[in-house]
C-alpha cells in the first residue's frame, strides 16, 4: 500500500496541530476588582492595591491552562508623604481565564500576609487611596 505513508504523515500532523493549544494573553488596558487594579502595558504590569502598589517589569507569560508565576516588586504606602515606598521583592501567581484573572501576592521578605485578588478586564478598580 503506497498510500499508507502519506496518510500516516497527515494523521501525525493533525495530532500535533490539535495538541498545540495557545496560551491566554493578558489584554492591555485596565483590569479592576475589589481592593485591586491592574494597568497592563505592552512590556509591564502595574498593580494597584489599597494604599500600595506593585510592578512586574515584563510581560506575563501564561501556560496553556492560563496559570502564571512571576516575580516583581511591591511597595507600601500609596501616596502617603514621608512613607516608606521602597520596593519589596514579590511573587504574583494565579490563573487567567478569558477576561478574568485571579492571583495571589506573596512578599518574599515575609513582611505581609499573602493575599489573593481577582479582577476583570475593563472593570474599574475598587481601591482605597492613601
Protein backbone atom coordinates (compact mmCIF):
# COMPACT_ATOMS: atom_id res chain seq x y z
CA UNK A 1 0.00 0.00 0.00
CA UNK A 2 1.74 3.09 -1.23
CA UNK A 3 -0.89 5.48 0.17
CA UNK A 4 -0.31 4.42 3.79
CA UNK A 5 2.78 6.57 4.37
CA UNK A 6 1.18 9.88 3.22
CA UNK A 7 -1.90 9.19 5.34
CA UNK A 8 0.27 8.49 8.39
CA UNK A 9 2.12 11.78 7.86
CA UNK A 10 -1.13 13.71 7.59
CA UNK A 11 -2.51 11.99 10.69
CA UNK A 12 0.65 12.82 12.65
CA UNK A 13 0.46 16.48 11.61
CA UNK A 14 -3.18 16.66 12.69
CA UNK A 15 -2.37 15.21 16.10
CA UNK A 16 0.43 17.74 16.64
CA UNK A 17 -1.73 20.64 15.43
CA UNK A 18 -4.64 19.67 17.67
CA UNK A 19 -2.46 19.19 20.74
CA UNK A 20 -0.88 22.65 20.50
CA UNK A 21 -3.20 24.93 22.42
CA UNK A 22 -2.40 28.59 22.64
CA UNK A 23 -1.84 30.20 25.99
CA UNK A 24 -4.14 33.04 27.02
CA UNK A 25 -2.99 36.63 26.72
CA UNK A 26 -3.34 39.39 29.31
CA UNK A 27 -5.05 42.19 27.39
CA UNK A 28 -3.53 45.65 27.63
CA UNK A 29 -5.68 48.14 29.49
CA UNK A 30 -7.30 48.42 32.90
CA UNK A 31 -8.42 45.44 34.99
CA UNK A 32 -10.37 46.04 38.17
CA UNK A 33 -11.69 44.22 41.19
CA UNK A 34 -12.26 44.55 44.91
CA UNK A 35 -9.15 46.12 46.50
CA UNK A 36 -7.12 45.72 43.29
CA UNK A 37 -6.43 47.23 39.91
CA UNK A 38 -4.05 46.27 37.14
CA UNK A 39 -2.73 48.57 34.45
CA UNK A 40 -1.40 46.29 31.73
CA UNK A 41 1.03 47.74 29.21
CA UNK A 42 2.92 46.02 26.38
CA UNK A 43 6.07 45.46 28.44
CA UNK A 44 4.97 45.61 32.09
CA UNK A 45 2.11 45.33 34.55
CA UNK A 46 1.35 47.79 37.36
CA UNK A 47 -0.68 46.59 40.35
CA UNK A 48 -2.75 48.96 42.50
CA UNK A 49 -3.75 47.82 45.96
CA UNK A 50 -5.28 49.61 48.94
CA UNK A 51 -2.56 52.13 49.94
CA UNK A 52 0.08 50.20 48.00
CA UNK A 53 1.31 49.22 44.56
CA UNK A 54 3.39 46.70 42.69
CA UNK A 55 5.04 46.10 39.36
CA UNK A 56 6.22 43.36 37.04
CA UNK A 57 8.75 44.72 34.54
CA UNK A 58 7.97 42.15 31.83
CA UNK A 59 5.03 40.77 30.01
CA UNK A 60 3.44 37.91 31.94
CA UNK A 61 3.73 34.54 30.22
CA UNK A 62 0.92 32.05 30.69
CA UNK A 63 0.77 28.28 30.42
CA UNK A 64 -1.83 26.78 28.12
CA UNK A 65 -4.20 26.38 31.11
CA UNK A 66 -3.84 30.09 32.00
CA UNK A 67 -1.56 29.66 35.01
CA UNK A 68 1.29 32.07 35.64
CA UNK A 69 4.01 32.66 38.23
CA UNK A 70 6.17 35.81 38.07
CA UNK A 71 8.32 37.94 40.34
CA UNK A 72 8.22 41.68 40.65
CA UNK A 73 8.02 44.30 43.36
CA UNK A 74 5.56 45.58 45.94
CA UNK A 75 5.65 49.00 47.64
CA UNK A 76 3.78 50.10 50.77
CA UNK A 77 2.31 53.50 51.45
CA UNK A 78 0.42 54.54 48.34
CA UNK A 79 0.93 58.29 48.04
CA UNK A 80 1.48 58.94 51.78
CA UNK A 81 4.03 61.73 52.21
CA UNK A 82 7.04 60.54 54.18
CA UNK A 83 6.02 56.89 53.95
CA UNK A 84 8.40 54.06 53.14
CA UNK A 85 7.92 53.47 49.42
CA UNK A 86 10.93 51.22 48.94
CA UNK A 87 10.13 48.22 46.75
CA UNK A 88 9.99 44.75 48.30
CA UNK A 89 10.51 41.61 46.19
CA UNK A 90 7.17 39.97 45.46
CA UNK A 91 5.76 36.93 43.71
CA UNK A 92 2.48 37.03 41.81
CA UNK A 93 0.91 33.75 40.76
CA UNK A 94 -2.53 32.68 39.64
CA UNK A 95 -4.66 31.99 36.61
CA UNK A 96 -6.20 33.88 33.72
CA UNK A 97 -9.46 32.62 32.19
CA UNK A 98 -10.76 34.80 29.38
CA UNK A 99 -11.10 38.30 30.80
CA UNK A 100 -10.97 37.24 34.49
CA UNK A 101 -7.74 36.93 36.45
CA UNK A 102 -7.23 35.57 39.96
CA UNK A 103 -3.86 35.79 41.68
CA UNK A 104 -2.04 35.71 44.98
CA UNK A 105 0.53 38.28 46.07
CA UNK A 106 3.38 36.98 48.22
CA UNK A 107 6.03 39.27 49.68
CA UNK A 108 9.27 37.31 49.54
CA UNK A 109 10.63 39.01 52.68
CA UNK A 110 7.55 37.93 54.66
CA UNK A 111 6.64 41.50 55.62
CA UNK A 112 2.93 40.98 54.79
CA UNK A 113 0.49 38.11 54.86
CA UNK A 114 -0.16 36.56 51.44
CA UNK A 115 -3.31 37.91 49.84
CA UNK A 116 -5.47 36.78 46.92
CA UNK A 117 -7.29 39.01 44.45
CA UNK A 118 -9.44 38.79 41.35
CA UNK A 119 -10.03 41.32 38.60
CA UNK A 120 -11.86 41.63 35.29
CA UNK A 121 -10.79 43.36 32.12
CA UNK A 122 -12.49 46.74 31.67
CA UNK A 123 -13.83 46.86 35.25
CA UNK A 124 -12.99 49.83 37.47
CA UNK A 125 -10.55 49.14 40.30
CA UNK A 126 -12.10 49.47 43.73
CA UNK A 127 -9.16 50.52 45.89
CA UNK A 128 -8.59 52.77 48.88
CA UNK A 129 -6.20 55.62 48.09
CA UNK A 130 -3.97 56.95 50.84
